[in-house]
Full PDB file with SEQRES, HELIX, SHEET, SSBOND, CRYST1, ORIGX, SCALE, CONECT and MASTER records, all heavy atoms in Angstrom:
SEQRES   1 A   38  PHE LEU ARG GLU THR ARG ARG GLU GLY GLN ILE ASP VAL          
SEQRES   2 A   38  SER TYR GLY CYS GLU GLY PHE LEU GLY GLY TYR GLU MET          
SEQRES   3 A   38  ASP VAL ARG ASP HIS PHE TYR GLU CYS SER ALA GLY              
HELIX    1 AA1 LEU A    2  GLU A    8  1                                   7    
HELIX    2 AA2 GLY A   22  TYR A   24  5                                   3    
CRYST1    1.000    1.000    1.000  90.00  90.00  90.00 P 1           1          
ORIGX1      1.000000  0.000000  0.000000        0.00000                         
ORIGX2      0.000000  1.000000  0.000000        0.00000                         
ORIGX3      0.000000  0.000000  1.000000        0.00000                         
SCALE1      1.000000  0.000000  0.000000        0.00000                         
SCALE2      0.000000  1.000000  0.000000        0.00000                         
SCALE3      0.000000  0.000000  1.000000        0.00000                         
ATOM      1  N   PHE A   1      10.086 -64.768  28.294  1.00  0.00           N  
ATOM      2  CA  PHE A   1      10.868 -65.635  27.415  1.00  0.00           C  
ATOM      3  C   PHE A   1      11.904 -64.822  26.640  1.00  0.00           C  
ATOM      4  O   PHE A   1      13.072 -65.222  26.531  1.00  0.00           O  
ATOM      5  CB  PHE A   1       9.927 -66.359  26.448  1.00  0.00           C  
ATOM      6  CG  PHE A   1      10.621 -67.058  25.311  1.00  0.00           C  
ATOM      7  CD1 PHE A   1      11.347 -68.217  25.528  1.00  0.00           C  
ATOM      8  CD2 PHE A   1      10.535 -66.547  24.023  1.00  0.00           C  
ATOM      9  CE1 PHE A   1      11.996 -68.861  24.483  1.00  0.00           C  
ATOM     10  CE2 PHE A   1      11.174 -67.192  22.962  1.00  0.00           C  
ATOM     11  CZ  PHE A   1      11.906 -68.340  23.196  1.00  0.00           C  
ATOM     12  N   LEU A   2      11.506 -63.681  26.119  1.00  0.00           N  
ATOM     13  CA  LEU A   2      12.426 -62.824  25.393  1.00  0.00           C  
ATOM     14  C   LEU A   2      13.553 -62.340  26.308  1.00  0.00           C  
ATOM     15  O   LEU A   2      14.738 -62.359  25.929  1.00  0.00           O  
ATOM     16  CB  LEU A   2      11.681 -61.625  24.802  1.00  0.00           C  
ATOM     17  CG  LEU A   2      10.739 -61.918  23.631  1.00  0.00           C  
ATOM     18  CD1 LEU A   2       9.769 -60.760  23.419  1.00  0.00           C  
ATOM     19  CD2 LEU A   2      11.518 -62.185  22.366  1.00  0.00           C  
ATOM     20  N   ARG A   3      13.195 -61.922  27.494  1.00  0.00           N  
ATOM     21  CA  ARG A   3      14.205 -61.425  28.443  1.00  0.00           C  
ATOM     22  C   ARG A   3      15.211 -62.509  28.799  1.00  0.00           C  
ATOM     23  O   ARG A   3      16.430 -62.271  28.778  1.00  0.00           O  
ATOM     24  CB  ARG A   3      13.507 -60.898  29.698  1.00  0.00           C  
ATOM     25  CG  ARG A   3      14.456 -60.262  30.707  1.00  0.00           C  
ATOM     26  CD  ARG A   3      13.675 -59.635  31.840  1.00  0.00           C  
ATOM     27  NE  ARG A   3      12.842 -60.609  32.561  1.00  0.00           N  
ATOM     28  CZ  ARG A   3      11.913 -60.281  33.455  1.00  0.00           C  
ATOM     29  NH1 ARG A   3      11.682 -59.010  33.725  1.00  0.00           N  
ATOM     30  NH2 ARG A   3      11.211 -61.216  34.066  1.00  0.00           N  
ATOM     31  N   GLU A   4      14.723 -63.694  29.090  1.00  0.00           N  
ATOM     32  CA  GLU A   4      15.634 -64.780  29.462  1.00  0.00           C  
ATOM     33  C   GLU A   4      16.480 -65.242  28.276  1.00  0.00           C  
ATOM     34  O   GLU A   4      17.655 -65.567  28.440  1.00  0.00           O  
ATOM     35  CB  GLU A   4      14.838 -65.953  30.032  1.00  0.00           C  
ATOM     36  CG  GLU A   4      14.148 -65.655  31.361  1.00  0.00           C  
ATOM     37  CD  GLU A   4      15.138 -65.147  32.408  1.00  0.00           C  
ATOM     38  OE1 GLU A   4      16.177 -65.804  32.613  1.00  0.00           O  
ATOM     39  OE2 GLU A   4      14.872 -64.079  32.987  1.00  0.00           O  
ATOM     40  N   THR A   5      15.893 -65.268  27.089  1.00  0.00           N  
ATOM     41  CA  THR A   5      16.655 -65.676  25.906  1.00  0.00           C  
ATOM     42  C   THR A   5      17.769 -64.678  25.619  1.00  0.00           C  
ATOM     43  O   THR A   5      18.884 -65.061  25.246  1.00  0.00           O  
ATOM     44  CB  THR A   5      15.725 -65.795  24.673  1.00  0.00           C  
ATOM     45  OG1 THR A   5      14.733 -66.793  24.943  1.00  0.00           O  
ATOM     46  CG2 THR A   5      16.504 -66.183  23.433  1.00  0.00           C  
ATOM     47  N   ARG A   6      17.509 -63.409  25.804  1.00  0.00           N  
ATOM     48  CA  ARG A   6      18.550 -62.407  25.613  1.00  0.00           C  
ATOM     49  C   ARG A   6      19.657 -62.570  26.647  1.00  0.00           C  
ATOM     50  O   ARG A   6      20.838 -62.389  26.336  1.00  0.00           O  
ATOM     51  CB  ARG A   6      17.938 -60.998  25.693  1.00  0.00           C  
ATOM     52  CG  ARG A   6      17.073 -60.654  24.482  1.00  0.00           C  
ATOM     53  CD  ARG A   6      16.248 -59.401  24.710  1.00  0.00           C  
ATOM     54  NE  ARG A   6      17.065 -58.215  24.871  1.00  0.00           N  
ATOM     55  CZ  ARG A   6      17.526 -57.480  23.848  1.00  0.00           C  
ATOM     56  NH1 ARG A   6      17.278 -57.832  22.599  1.00  0.00           N  
ATOM     57  NH2 ARG A   6      18.248 -56.392  24.079  1.00  0.00           N  
ATOM     58  N   ARG A   7      19.285 -62.949  27.859  1.00  0.00           N  
ATOM     59  CA  ARG A   7      20.302 -63.167  28.889  1.00  0.00           C  
ATOM     60  C   ARG A   7      21.164 -64.382  28.584  1.00  0.00           C  
ATOM     61  O   ARG A   7      22.351 -64.406  28.912  1.00  0.00           O  
ATOM     62  CB  ARG A   7      19.626 -63.324  30.251  1.00  0.00           C  
ATOM     63  CG  ARG A   7      19.061 -62.016  30.800  1.00  0.00           C  
ATOM     64  CD  ARG A   7      18.257 -62.242  32.064  1.00  0.00           C  
ATOM     65  NE  ARG A   7      17.816 -60.973  32.644  1.00  0.00           N  
ATOM     66  CZ  ARG A   7      16.993 -60.865  33.684  1.00  0.00           C  
ATOM     67  NH1 ARG A   7      16.509 -61.965  34.265  1.00  0.00           N  
ATOM     68  NH2 ARG A   7      16.640 -59.678  34.139  1.00  0.00           N  
ATOM     69  N   GLU A   8      20.578 -65.383  27.971  1.00  0.00           N  
ATOM     70  CA  GLU A   8      21.347 -66.574  27.607  1.00  0.00           C  
ATOM     71  C   GLU A   8      22.445 -66.257  26.595  1.00  0.00           C  
ATOM     72  O   GLU A   8      23.528 -66.829  26.639  1.00  0.00           O  
ATOM     73  CB  GLU A   8      20.418 -67.639  27.024  1.00  0.00           C  
ATOM     74  CG  GLU A   8      19.451 -68.244  28.017  1.00  0.00           C  
ATOM     75  CD  GLU A   8      18.403 -69.114  27.340  1.00  0.00           C  
ATOM     76  OE1 GLU A   8      18.429 -69.216  26.087  1.00  0.00           O  
ATOM     77  OE2 GLU A   8      17.569 -69.683  28.051  1.00  0.00           O  
ATOM     78  N   GLY A   9      22.149 -65.363  25.658  1.00  0.00           N  
ATOM     79  CA  GLY A   9      23.158 -64.907  24.710  1.00  0.00           C  
ATOM     80  C   GLY A   9      23.447 -65.835  23.550  1.00  0.00           C  
ATOM     81  O   GLY A   9      24.452 -65.653  22.855  1.00  0.00           O  
ATOM     82  N   GLN A  10      22.591 -66.814  23.278  1.00  0.00           N  
ATOM     83  CA  GLN A  10      22.850 -67.737  22.178  1.00  0.00           C  
ATOM     84  C   GLN A  10      22.277 -67.260  20.850  1.00  0.00           C  
ATOM     85  O   GLN A  10      22.695 -67.718  19.790  1.00  0.00           O  
ATOM     86  CB  GLN A  10      22.277 -69.120  22.529  1.00  0.00           C  
ATOM     87  CG  GLN A  10      22.923 -69.740  23.747  1.00  0.00           C  
ATOM     88  CD  GLN A  10      22.292 -71.078  24.094  1.00  0.00           C  
ATOM     89  OE1 GLN A  10      21.828 -71.811  23.223  1.00  0.00           O  
ATOM     90  NE2 GLN A  10      22.277 -71.410  25.373  1.00  0.00           N  
ATOM     91  N   ILE A  11      21.291 -66.359  20.907  1.00  0.00           N  
ATOM     92  CA  ILE A  11      20.693 -65.791  19.711  1.00  0.00           C  
ATOM     93  C   ILE A  11      20.227 -64.383  20.065  1.00  0.00           C  
ATOM     94  O   ILE A  11      19.743 -64.142  21.168  1.00  0.00           O  
ATOM     95  CB  ILE A  11      19.527 -66.665  19.194  1.00  0.00           C  
ATOM     96  CG1 ILE A  11      19.010 -66.154  17.837  1.00  0.00           C  
ATOM     97  CG2 ILE A  11      18.410 -66.760  20.216  1.00  0.00           C  
ATOM     98  CD1 ILE A  11      18.006 -67.109  17.170  1.00  0.00           C  
ATOM     99  N   ASP A  12      20.403 -63.455  19.141  1.00  0.00           N  
ATOM    100  CA  ASP A  12      19.992 -62.075  19.367  1.00  0.00           C  
ATOM    101  C   ASP A  12      18.511 -61.950  19.040  1.00  0.00           C  
ATOM    102  O   ASP A  12      18.125 -61.807  17.890  1.00  0.00           O  
ATOM    103  CB  ASP A  12      20.827 -61.143  18.464  1.00  0.00           C  
ATOM    104  CG  ASP A  12      20.374 -59.697  18.553  1.00  0.00           C  
ATOM    105  OD1 ASP A  12      19.816 -59.329  19.602  1.00  0.00           O  
ATOM    106  OD2 ASP A  12      20.569 -58.948  17.577  1.00  0.00           O  
ATOM    107  N   VAL A  13      17.677 -62.034  20.064  1.00  0.00           N  
ATOM    108  CA  VAL A  13      16.231 -61.989  19.881  1.00  0.00           C  
ATOM    109  C   VAL A  13      15.703 -60.652  20.387  1.00  0.00           C  
ATOM    110  O   VAL A  13      16.262 -60.058  21.321  1.00  0.00           O  
ATOM    111  CB  VAL A  13      15.540 -63.152  20.623  1.00  0.00           C  
ATOM    112  CG1 VAL A  13      15.661 -63.007  22.136  1.00  0.00           C  
ATOM    113  CG2 VAL A  13      14.078 -63.283  20.207  1.00  0.00           C  
ATOM    114  N   SER A  14      14.643 -60.174  19.763  1.00  0.00           N  
ATOM    115  CA  SER A  14      14.030 -58.933  20.222  1.00  0.00           C  
ATOM    116  C   SER A  14      12.549 -58.948  19.881  1.00  0.00           C  
ATOM    117  O   SER A  14      12.113 -59.643  18.955  1.00  0.00           O  
ATOM    118  CB  SER A  14      14.700 -57.708  19.580  1.00  0.00           C  
ATOM    119  OG  SER A  14      14.544 -57.730  18.172  1.00  0.00           O  
ATOM    120  N   TYR A  15      11.791 -58.189  20.648  1.00  0.00           N  
ATOM    121  CA  TYR A  15      10.388 -57.980  20.317  1.00  0.00           C  
ATOM    122  C   TYR A  15      10.316 -56.940  19.209  1.00  0.00           C  
ATOM    123  O   TYR A  15      11.156 -56.052  19.109  1.00  0.00           O  
ATOM    124  CB  TYR A  15       9.604 -57.523  21.547  1.00  0.00           C  
ATOM    125  CG  TYR A  15       8.109 -57.429  21.314  1.00  0.00           C  
ATOM    126  CD1 TYR A  15       7.372 -58.564  21.003  1.00  0.00           C  
ATOM    127  CD2 TYR A  15       7.445 -56.214  21.395  1.00  0.00           C  
ATOM    128  CE1 TYR A  15       6.006 -58.483  20.777  1.00  0.00           C  
ATOM    129  CE2 TYR A  15       6.082 -56.119  21.179  1.00  0.00           C  
ATOM    130  CZ  TYR A  15       5.371 -57.267  20.858  1.00  0.00           C  
ATOM    131  OH  TYR A  15       4.016 -57.189  20.621  1.00  0.00           O  
ATOM    132  N   GLY A  16       9.290 -57.037  18.359  1.00  0.00           N  
ATOM    133  CA  GLY A  16       9.164 -56.141  17.219  1.00  0.00           C  
ATOM    134  C   GLY A  16       9.048 -54.682  17.619  1.00  0.00           C  
ATOM    135  O   GLY A  16       9.005 -54.329  18.804  1.00  0.00           O  
ATOM    136  N   CYS A  17       8.982 -53.833  16.619  1.00  0.00           N  
ATOM    137  CA  CYS A  17       9.032 -52.386  16.858  1.00  0.00           C  
ATOM    138  C   CYS A  17       7.761 -51.840  17.468  1.00  0.00           C  
ATOM    139  O   CYS A  17       7.726 -50.682  17.893  1.00  0.00           O  
ATOM    140  CB  CYS A  17       9.320 -51.667  15.541  1.00  0.00           C  
ATOM    141  SG  CYS A  17       8.104 -52.006  14.225  1.00  0.00           S  
ATOM    142  N   GLU A  18       6.695 -52.631  17.506  1.00  0.00           N  
ATOM    143  CA  GLU A  18       5.416 -52.113  17.965  1.00  0.00           C  
ATOM    144  C   GLU A  18       5.320 -52.112  19.483  1.00  0.00           C  
ATOM    145  O   GLU A  18       5.825 -53.007  20.145  1.00  0.00           O  
ATOM    146  CB  GLU A  18       4.284 -52.971  17.399  1.00  0.00           C  
ATOM    147  CG  GLU A  18       4.339 -54.425  17.868  1.00  0.00           C  
ATOM    148  CD  GLU A  18       3.289 -55.298  17.223  1.00  0.00           C  
ATOM    149  OE1 GLU A  18       3.156 -55.215  16.012  1.00  0.00           O  
ATOM    150  OE2 GLU A  18       2.624 -56.039  17.950  1.00  0.00           O  
ATOM    151  N   GLY A  19       4.711 -51.100  20.048  1.00  0.00           N  
ATOM    152  CA  GLY A  19       4.248 -51.169  21.414  1.00  0.00           C  
ATOM    153  C   GLY A  19       5.206 -50.762  22.518  1.00  0.00           C  
ATOM    154  O   GLY A  19       6.318 -51.273  22.594  1.00  0.00           O  
ATOM    155  N   PHE A  20       4.749 -49.872  23.392  1.00  0.00           N  
ATOM    156  CA  PHE A  20       5.464 -49.506  24.609  1.00  0.00           C  
ATOM    157  C   PHE A  20       5.218 -50.568  25.657  1.00  0.00           C  
ATOM    158  O   PHE A  20       4.083 -50.972  25.901  1.00  0.00           O  
ATOM    159  CB  PHE A  20       4.981 -48.140  25.106  1.00  0.00           C  
ATOM    160  CG  PHE A  20       5.637 -47.696  26.379  1.00  0.00           C  
ATOM    161  CD1 PHE A  20       6.943 -47.240  26.369  1.00  0.00           C  
ATOM    162  CD2 PHE A  20       4.950 -47.742  27.581  1.00  0.00           C  
ATOM    163  CE1 PHE A  20       7.560 -46.824  27.551  1.00  0.00           C  
ATOM    164  CE2 PHE A  20       5.550 -47.332  28.759  1.00  0.00           C  
ATOM    165  CZ  PHE A  20       6.863 -46.879  28.748  1.00  0.00           C  
ATOM    166  N   LEU A  21       6.290 -51.032  26.326  1.00  0.00           N  
ATOM    167  CA  LEU A  21       6.220 -52.230  27.148  1.00  0.00           C  
ATOM    168  C   LEU A  21       6.497 -51.981  28.626  1.00  0.00           C  
ATOM    169  O   LEU A  21       6.789 -52.924  29.373  1.00  0.00           O  
ATOM    170  CB  LEU A  21       7.207 -53.271  26.615  1.00  0.00           C  
ATOM    171  CG  LEU A  21       6.982 -53.692  25.160  1.00  0.00           C  
ATOM    172  CD1 LEU A  21       8.134 -54.552  24.656  1.00  0.00           C  
ATOM    173  CD2 LEU A  21       5.653 -54.434  24.999  1.00  0.00           C  
ATOM    174  N   GLY A  22       6.402 -50.732  29.059  1.00  0.00           N  
ATOM    175  CA  GLY A  22       6.533 -50.443  30.478  1.00  0.00           C  
ATOM    176  C   GLY A  22       7.832 -50.939  31.062  1.00  0.00           C  
ATOM    177  O   GLY A  22       8.922 -50.636  30.595  1.00  0.00           O  
ATOM    178  N   GLY A  23       7.727 -51.749  32.124  1.00  0.00           N  
ATOM    179  CA  GLY A  23       8.902 -52.259  32.805  1.00  0.00           C  
ATOM    180  C   GLY A  23       9.780 -53.170  31.975  1.00  0.00           C  
ATOM    181  O   GLY A  23      10.927 -53.440  32.350  1.00  0.00           O  
ATOM    182  N   TYR A  24       9.272 -53.664  30.851  1.00  0.00           N  
ATOM    183  CA  TYR A  24      10.084 -54.525  29.979  1.00  0.00           C  
ATOM    184  C   TYR A  24      10.888 -53.736  28.952  1.00  0.00           C  
ATOM    185  O   TYR A  24      11.642 -54.332  28.174  1.00  0.00           O  
ATOM    186  CB  TYR A  24       9.184 -55.532  29.251  1.00  0.00           C  
ATOM    187  CG  TYR A  24       8.672 -56.638  30.133  1.00  0.00           C  
ATOM    188  CD1 TYR A  24       7.348 -56.672  30.542  1.00  0.00           C  
ATOM    189  CD2 TYR A  24       9.530 -57.658  30.568  1.00  0.00           C  
ATOM    190  CE1 TYR A  24       6.872 -57.687  31.356  1.00  0.00           C  
ATOM    191  CE2 TYR A  24       9.059 -58.676  31.382  1.00  0.00           C  
ATOM    192  CZ  TYR A  24       7.734 -58.686  31.765  1.00  0.00           C  
ATOM    193  OH  TYR A  24       7.272 -59.687  32.582  1.00  0.00           O  
ATOM    194  N   GLU A  25      10.718 -52.408  28.919  1.00  0.00           N  
ATOM    195  CA  GLU A  25      11.506 -51.611  27.986  1.00  0.00           C  
ATOM    196  C   GLU A  25      13.003 -51.845  28.225  1.00  0.00           C  
ATOM    197  O   GLU A  25      13.464 -51.861  29.363  1.00  0.00           O  
ATOM    198  CB  GLU A  25      11.173 -50.128  28.144  1.00  0.00           C  
ATOM    199  CG  GLU A  25       9.838 -49.725  27.542  1.00  0.00           C  
ATOM    200  CD  GLU A  25       9.814 -49.864  26.024  1.00  0.00           C  
ATOM    201  OE1 GLU A  25      10.834 -49.563  25.372  1.00  0.00           O  
ATOM    202  OE2 GLU A  25       8.773 -50.289  25.495  1.00  0.00           O  
ATOM    203  N   MET A  26      13.743 -52.026  27.137  1.00  0.00           N  
ATOM    204  CA  MET A  26      15.181 -52.301  27.101  1.00  0.00           C  
ATOM    205  C   MET A  26      15.536 -53.717  27.573  1.00  0.00           C  
ATOM    206  O   MET A  26      16.670 -54.132  27.459  1.00  0.00           O  
ATOM    207  CB  MET A  26      15.981 -51.284  27.929  1.00  0.00           C  
ATOM    208  CG  MET A  26      16.100 -49.917  27.275  1.00  0.00           C  
ATOM    209  SD  MET A  26      16.994 -49.914  25.704  1.00  0.00           S  
ATOM    210  CE  MET A  26      18.660 -50.275  26.240  1.00  0.00           C  
ATOM    211  N   ASP A  27      14.560 -54.476  28.095  1.00  0.00           N  
ATOM    212  CA  ASP A  27      14.819 -55.862  28.479  1.00  0.00           C  
ATOM    213  C   ASP A  27      14.578 -56.821  27.322  1.00  0.00           C  
ATOM    214  O   ASP A  27      15.148 -57.920  27.305  1.00  0.00           O  
ATOM    215  CB  ASP A  27      13.911 -56.276  29.645  1.00  0.00           C  
ATOM    216  CG  ASP A  27      14.275 -55.590  30.952  1.00  0.00           C  
ATOM    217  OD1 ASP A  27      15.361 -54.983  31.025  1.00  0.00           O  
ATOM    218  OD2 ASP A  27      13.460 -55.643  31.905  1.00  0.00           O  
ATOM    219  N   VAL A  28      13.723 -56.413  26.358  1.00  0.00           N  
ATOM    220  CA  VAL A  28      13.322 -57.338  25.306  1.00  0.00           C  
ATOM    221  C   VAL A  28      13.675 -56.825  23.898  1.00  0.00           C  
ATOM    222  O   VAL A  28      13.336 -57.452  22.910  1.00  0.00           O  
ATOM    223  CB  VAL A  28      11.824 -57.676  25.390  1.00  0.00           C  
ATOM    224  CG1 VAL A  28      11.512 -58.364  26.711  1.00  0.00           C  
ATOM    225  CG2 VAL A  28      10.962 -56.429  25.219  1.00  0.00           C  
ATOM    226  N   ARG A  29      14.312 -55.692  23.816  1.00  0.00           N  
ATOM    227  CA  ARG A  29      14.867 -55.202  22.545  1.00  0.00           C  
ATOM    228  C   ARG A  29      15.996 -54.227  22.868  1.00  0.00           C  
ATOM    229  O   ARG A  29      16.187 -53.849  24.028  1.00  0.00           O  
ATOM    230  CB  ARG A  29      13.784 -54.556  21.679  1.00  0.00           C  
ATOM    231  CG  ARG A  29      12.969 -53.484  22.312  1.00  0.00           C  
ATOM    232  CD  ARG A  29      11.782 -53.088  21.435  1.00  0.00           C  
ATOM    233  NE  ARG A  29      10.847 -52.270  22.192  1.00  0.00           N  
ATOM    234  CZ  ARG A  29       9.536 -52.223  21.968  1.00  0.00           C  
ATOM    235  NH1 ARG A  29       9.004 -52.938  20.994  1.00  0.00           N  
ATOM    236  NH2 ARG A  29       8.755 -51.456  22.697  1.00  0.00           N  
ATOM    237  N   ASP A  30      16.728 -53.818  21.845  1.00  0.00           N  
ATOM    238  CA  ASP A  30      17.972 -53.073  22.053  1.00  0.00           C  
ATOM    239  C   ASP A  30      17.772 -51.576  22.245  1.00  0.00           C  
ATOM    240  O   ASP A  30      18.754 -50.846  22.344  1.00  0.00           O  
ATOM    241  CB  ASP A  30      18.912 -53.285  20.860  1.00  0.00           C  
ATOM    242  CG  ASP A  30      19.410 -54.719  20.761  1.00  0.00           C  
ATOM    243  OD1 ASP A  30      19.310 -55.449  21.767  1.00  0.00           O  
ATOM    244  OD2 ASP A  30      19.904 -55.099  19.690  1.00  0.00           O  
ATOM    245  N   HIS A  31      16.560 -51.114  22.270  1.00  0.00           N  
ATOM    246  CA  HIS A  31      16.303 -49.679  22.351  1.00  0.00           C  
ATOM    247  C   HIS A  31      14.942 -49.461  23.006  1.00  0.00           C  
ATOM    248  O   HIS A  31      14.114 -50.372  23.068  1.00  0.00           O  
ATOM    249  CB  HIS A  31      16.313 -49.058  20.949  1.00  0.00           C  
ATOM    250  CG  HIS A  31      15.396 -49.748  19.983  1.00  0.00           C  
ATOM    251  ND1 HIS A  31      14.029 -49.511  19.936  1.00  0.00           N  
ATOM    252  CD2 HIS A  31      15.640 -50.704  19.048  1.00  0.00           C  
ATOM    253  CE1 HIS A  31      13.472 -50.276  19.009  1.00  0.00           C  
ATOM    254  NE2 HIS A  31      14.426 -51.014  18.462  1.00  0.00           N  
ATOM    255  N   PHE A  32      14.737 -48.255  23.479  1.00  0.00           N  
ATOM    256  CA  PHE A  32      13.410 -47.910  23.989  1.00  0.00           C  
ATOM    257  C   PHE A  32      12.430 -47.799  22.829  1.00  0.00           C  
ATOM    258  O   PHE A  32      12.813 -47.546  21.691  1.00  0.00           O  
ATOM    259  CB  PHE A  32      13.463 -46.585  24.746  1.00  0.00           C  
ATOM    260  CG  PHE A  32      14.128 -46.669  26.094  1.00  0.00           C  
ATOM    261  CD1 PHE A  32      15.303 -46.002  26.343  1.00  0.00           C  
ATOM    262  CD2 PHE A  32      13.569 -47.439  27.107  1.00  0.00           C  
ATOM    263  CE1 PHE A  32      15.918 -46.077  27.574  1.00  0.00           C  
ATOM    264  CE2 PHE A  32      14.178 -47.520  28.349  1.00  0.00           C  
ATOM    265  CZ  PHE A  32      15.357 -46.833  28.586  1.00  0.00           C  
ATOM    266  N   TYR A  33      11.161 -47.969  23.163  1.00  0.00           N  
ATOM    267  CA  TYR A  33      10.127 -47.899  22.126  1.00  0.00           C  
ATOM    268  C   TYR A  33      10.029 -46.493  21.531  1.00  0.00           C  
ATOM    269  O   TYR A  33      10.066 -45.487  22.245  1.00  0.00           O  
ATOM    270  CB  TYR A  33       8.759 -48.264  22.710  1.00  0.00           C  
ATOM    271  CG  TYR A  33       7.634 -47.886  21.775  1.00  0.00           C  
ATOM    272  CD1 TYR A  33       7.377 -48.648  20.642  1.00  0.00           C  
ATOM    273  CD2 TYR A  33       6.889 -46.729  21.983  1.00  0.00           C  
ATOM    274  CE1 TYR A  33       6.384 -48.271  19.749  1.00  0.00           C  
ATOM    275  CE2 TYR A  33       5.891 -46.359  21.105  1.00  0.00           C  
ATOM    276  CZ  TYR A  33       5.653 -47.129  19.984  1.00  0.00           C  
ATOM    277  OH  TYR A  33       4.693 -46.753  19.088  1.00  0.00           O  
ATOM    278  N   GLU A  34       9.899 -46.444  20.224  1.00  0.00           N  
ATOM    279  CA  GLU A  34       9.472 -45.236  19.521  1.00  0.00           C  
ATOM    280  C   GLU A  34       8.870 -45.663  18.192  1.00  0.00           C  
ATOM    281  O   GLU A  34       9.273 -46.677  17.611  1.00  0.00           O  
ATOM    282  CB  GLU A  34      10.624 -44.256  19.292  1.00  0.00           C  
ATOM    283  CG  GLU A  34      11.707 -44.728  18.353  1.00  0.00           C  
ATOM    284  CD  GLU A  34      12.772 -43.662  18.090  1.00  0.00           C  
ATOM    285  OE1 GLU A  34      12.471 -42.451  18.222  1.00  0.00           O  
ATOM    286  OE2 GLU A  34      13.920 -44.048  17.776  1.00  0.00           O  
ATOM    287  N   CYS A  35       7.888 -44.907  17.722  1.00  0.00           N  
ATOM    288  CA  CYS A  35       7.298 -45.162  16.409  1.00  0.00           C  
ATOM    289  C   CYS A  35       8.034 -44.264  15.419  1.00  0.00           C  
ATOM    290  O   CYS A  35       7.919 -43.044  15.486  1.00  0.00           O  
ATOM    291  CB  CYS A  35       5.808 -44.859  16.414  1.00  0.00           C  
ATOM    292  SG  CYS A  35       5.001 -45.199  14.817  1.00  0.00           S  
ATOM    293  N   SER A  36       8.783 -44.868  14.502  1.00  0.00           N  
ATOM    294  CA  SER A  36       9.581 -44.098  13.550  1.00  0.00           C  
ATOM    295  C   SER A  36       8.803 -43.724  12.292  1.00  0.00           C  
ATOM    296  O   SER A  36       9.314 -42.992  11.436  1.00  0.00           O  
ATOM    297  CB  SER A  36      10.830 -44.898  13.149  1.00  0.00           C  
ATOM    298  OG  SER A  36      10.477 -46.068  12.428  1.00  0.00           O  
ATOM    299  N   ALA A  37       7.566 -44.218  12.178  1.00  0.00           N  
ATOM    300  CA  ALA A  37       6.752 -43.905  10.995  1.00  0.00           C  
ATOM    301  C   ALA A  37       6.555 -42.404  10.871  1.00  0.00           C  
ATOM    302  O   ALA A  37       6.131 -41.738  11.818  1.00  0.00           O  
ATOM    303  CB  ALA A  37       5.397 -44.607  11.081  1.00  0.00           C  
ATOM    304  N   GLY A  38       6.876 -41.853   9.716  1.00  0.00           N  
ATOM    305  CA  GLY A  38       6.725 -40.437   9.488  1.00  0.00           C  
ATOM    306  C   GLY A  38       7.794 -39.586  10.136  1.00  0.00           C  
ATOM    307  O   GLY A  38       7.788 -38.363   9.983  1.00  0.00           O  
TER     308      GLY A  38                                                      
MASTER        0    0    0    2    0    0    0    6  307    1    0    3          
END                                                                             
């Protein structure tokens, strides 16, 4: 759903900062996963 919504381009949607998503990396948010805490 996130991937398709981003492709539609009507709203800038992304998955939260948590979690490495394998093949979905960069498809559901604007950057690769990293934990910035600390």
